[in-house]
Amino acid sequence: MKTLRSHFRTATLALCVAGLVASQAMAMPVIAPDQDSPIVLAASDCYAIGQQVAEQNGGTLAKASQSTRGGQAVCVIVVLVPGKDGQRPRRSEIVVPQN
C-alpha cells in the first residue's frame, strides 16, 4: 500500500510540474518577425497624446488607452488635475481622435 501511495504522489507531482511548464509556455508572448504590432504602436501613440493633453491641462497623466467610438479609433485619456486650496485632485476624462 505504501508503494502505491508513493507512486501516486510521484505521478501527481509530475503532472503538476508538467501543467506548470505547459502554462508558462503558453503564457510566453509569440513574436512574428514579419507582422507589425499595431496595438503596441497605438498604445504608445495614445500615451504620447495623453502626455500632451495632461501638460495642456496642467495635470498628470493617470491613464491612456485606445478605444473605438463610432467606428473611429480614439484615445481615452484620464488626467488628474490638482485641486484648488489643497483639495483632492480632480479626475478629468478626455476623448481625443487618434490621428
C-alpha atoms as a PDB file:
ATOM      1  CA  MET A   1       0.000   0.000   0.000  1.00  0.00           C
ATOM      2  CA  LYS A   2       2.860   2.383   0.766  1.00  0.00           C
ATOM      3  CA  THR A   3       4.380   1.855  -2.670  1.00  0.00           C
ATOM      4  CA  LEU A   4       1.045   2.606  -4.343  1.00  0.00           C
ATOM      5  CA  ARG A   5       0.806   5.896  -2.411  1.00  0.00           C
ATOM      6  CA  SER A   6       4.403   6.677  -3.278  1.00  0.00           C
ATOM      7  CA  HIS A   7       3.774   6.084  -6.981  1.00  0.00           C
ATOM      8  CA  PHE A   8       0.554   8.126  -6.820  1.00  0.00           C
ATOM      9  CA  ARG A   9       2.380  11.054  -5.188  1.00  0.00           C
ATOM     10  CA  THR A  10       5.149  10.901  -7.773  1.00  0.00           C
ATOM     11  CA  ALA A  11       2.658  10.793 -10.634  1.00  0.00           C
ATOM     12  CA  THR A  12       0.658  13.680  -9.151  1.00  0.00           C
ATOM     13  CA  LEU A  13       3.792  15.776  -8.692  1.00  0.00           C
ATOM     14  CA  ALA A  14       4.913  15.025 -12.252  1.00  0.00           C
ATOM     15  CA  LEU A  15       1.512  16.055 -13.628  1.00  0.00           C
ATOM     16  CA  CYS A  16       1.571  19.299 -11.614  1.00  0.00           C
ATOM     17  CA  VAL A  17       5.053  20.159 -12.882  1.00  0.00           C
ATOM     18  CA  ALA A  18       4.059  19.337 -16.457  1.00  0.00           C
ATOM     19  CA  GLY A  19       0.972  21.536 -16.129  1.00  0.00           C
ATOM     20  CA  LEU A  20       3.037  24.392 -14.724  1.00  0.00           C
ATOM     21  CA  VAL A  21       5.594  24.129 -17.512  1.00  0.00           C
ATOM     22  CA  ALA A  22       2.845  23.976 -20.145  1.00  0.00           C
ATOM     23  CA  SER A  23       1.055  27.011 -18.695  1.00  0.00           C
ATOM     24  CA  GLN A  24       4.292  29.007 -18.654  1.00  0.00           C
ATOM     25  CA  ALA A  25       4.992  28.017 -22.245  1.00  0.00           C
ATOM     26  CA  MET A  26       1.516  29.157 -23.274  1.00  0.00           C
ATOM     27  CA  ALA A  27       1.920  32.451 -21.390  1.00  0.00           C
ATOM     28  CA  MET A  28       5.079  33.468 -23.230  1.00  0.00           C
ATOM     29  CA  PRO A  29       4.450  36.026 -25.970  1.00  0.00           C
ATOM     30  CA  VAL A  30       4.879  34.927 -29.540  1.00  0.00           C
ATOM     31  CA  ILE A  31       6.533  37.479 -31.785  1.00  0.00           C
ATOM     32  CA  ALA A  32       6.193  37.028 -35.512  1.00  0.00           C
ATOM     33  CA  PRO A  33       9.023  38.865 -37.291  1.00  0.00           C
ATOM     34  CA  ASP A  34       7.024  39.561 -40.457  1.00  0.00           C
ATOM     35  CA  GLN A  35       3.991  41.095 -38.722  1.00  0.00           C
ATOM     36  CA  ASP A  36       3.620  44.608 -37.394  1.00  0.00           C
ATOM     37  CA  SER A  37       2.102  45.089 -33.965  1.00  0.00           C
ATOM     38  CA  PRO A  38      -0.437  47.919 -34.390  1.00  0.00           C
ATOM     39  CA  ILE A  39      -1.819  47.548 -30.870  1.00  0.00           C
ATOM     40  CA  VAL A  40       1.516  48.315 -29.268  1.00  0.00           C
ATOM     41  CA  LEU A  41       2.045  51.269 -31.588  1.00  0.00           C
ATOM     42  CA  ALA A  42      -1.432  52.615 -30.865  1.00  0.00           C
ATOM     43  CA  ALA A  43      -0.883  52.276 -27.141  1.00  0.00           C
ATOM     44  CA  SER A  44       2.366  54.230 -27.343  1.00  0.00           C
ATOM     45  CA  ASP A  45       0.668  56.845 -29.532  1.00  0.00           C
ATOM     46  CA  CYS A  46      -2.150  57.206 -27.012  1.00  0.00           C
ATOM     47  CA  TYR A  47       0.403  57.543 -24.233  1.00  0.00           C
ATOM     48  CA  ALA A  48       2.217  60.315 -26.113  1.00  0.00           C
ATOM     49  CA  ILE A  49      -1.088  62.040 -26.841  1.00  0.00           C
ATOM     50  CA  GLY A  50      -2.022  61.649 -23.178  1.00  0.00           C
ATOM     51  CA  GLN A  51       1.229  63.297 -22.075  1.00  0.00           C
ATOM     52  CA  GLN A  52       0.463  66.298 -24.288  1.00  0.00           C
ATOM     53  CA  VAL A  53      -3.147  66.572 -23.066  1.00  0.00           C
ATOM     54  CA  ALA A  54      -2.038  66.350 -19.422  1.00  0.00           C
ATOM     55  CA  GLU A  55       0.546  69.070 -19.991  1.00  0.00           C
ATOM     56  CA  GLN A  56      -2.042  71.323 -21.654  1.00  0.00           C
ATOM     57  CA  ASN A  57      -4.443  70.861 -18.727  1.00  0.00           C
ATOM     58  CA  GLY A  58      -1.772  71.343 -16.063  1.00  0.00           C
ATOM     59  CA  GLY A  59      -2.252  67.860 -14.604  1.00  0.00           C
ATOM     60  CA  THR A  60      -0.642  64.448 -14.588  1.00  0.00           C
ATOM     61  CA  LEU A  61      -1.483  61.554 -16.871  1.00  0.00           C
ATOM     62  CA  ALA A  62      -3.272  58.766 -14.997  1.00  0.00           C
ATOM     63  CA  LYS A  63      -4.341  56.541 -17.893  1.00  0.00           C
ATOM     64  CA  ALA A  64      -4.198  56.425 -21.670  1.00  0.00           C
ATOM     65  CA  SER A  65      -5.997  53.707 -23.606  1.00  0.00           C
ATOM     66  CA  GLN A  66      -7.186  53.085 -27.141  1.00  0.00           C
ATOM     67  CA  SER A  67     -10.865  52.635 -27.927  1.00  0.00           C
ATOM     68  CA  THR A  68     -13.213  52.689 -30.899  1.00  0.00           C
ATOM     69  CA  ARG A  69     -16.171  55.045 -30.842  1.00  0.00           C
ATOM     70  CA  GLY A  70     -18.445  55.481 -33.806  1.00  0.00           C
ATOM     71  CA  GLY A  71     -16.121  53.382 -35.951  1.00  0.00           C
ATOM     72  CA  GLN A  72     -13.218  55.771 -35.310  1.00  0.00           C
ATOM     73  CA  ALA A  73     -10.079  54.988 -33.325  1.00  0.00           C
ATOM     74  CA  VAL A  74      -9.799  57.306 -30.325  1.00  0.00           C
ATOM     75  CA  CYS A  75      -7.612  57.657 -27.262  1.00  0.00           C
ATOM     76  CA  VAL A  76      -9.318  57.835 -23.886  1.00  0.00           C
ATOM     77  CA  ILE A  77      -7.132  59.993 -21.663  1.00  0.00           C
ATOM     78  CA  VAL A  78      -7.565  60.316 -17.890  1.00  0.00           C
ATOM     79  CA  VAL A  79      -5.826  63.331 -16.347  1.00  0.00           C
ATOM     80  CA  LEU A  80      -5.574  64.209 -12.653  1.00  0.00           C
ATOM     81  CA  VAL A  81      -5.800  67.985 -12.320  1.00  0.00           C
ATOM     82  CA  PRO A  82      -4.660  69.437  -8.967  1.00  0.00           C
ATOM     83  CA  GLY A  83      -7.478  70.738  -6.773  1.00  0.00           C
ATOM     84  CA  LYS A  84      -7.706  74.305  -5.523  1.00  0.00           C
ATOM     85  CA  ASP A  85      -6.780  75.284  -1.965  1.00  0.00           C
ATOM     86  CA  GLY A  86      -5.326  71.875  -1.091  1.00  0.00           C
ATOM     87  CA  GLN A  87      -8.354  69.891  -2.192  1.00  0.00           C
ATOM     88  CA  ARG A  88      -8.140  66.471  -3.800  1.00  0.00           C
ATOM     89  CA  PRO A  89      -7.125  66.267  -7.469  1.00  0.00           C
ATOM     90  CA  ARG A  90      -9.966  66.331  -9.965  1.00  0.00           C
ATOM     91  CA  ARG A  91     -10.270  63.414 -12.405  1.00  0.00           C
ATOM     92  CA  SER A  92     -10.851  64.523 -15.979  1.00  0.00           C
ATOM     93  CA  GLU A  93     -11.543  62.062 -18.828  1.00  0.00           C
ATOM     94  CA  ILE A  94     -10.825  63.380 -22.312  1.00  0.00           C
ATOM     95  CA  VAL A  95     -11.517  61.559 -25.583  1.00  0.00           C
ATOM     96  CA  VAL A  96      -9.145  62.523 -28.409  1.00  0.00           C
ATOM     97  CA  PRO A  97      -9.216  61.223 -32.004  1.00  0.00           C
ATOM     98  CA  GLN A  98      -6.167  59.125 -32.757  1.00  0.00           C
ATOM     99  CA  ASN A  99      -4.547  60.686 -35.816  1.00  0.00           C
END
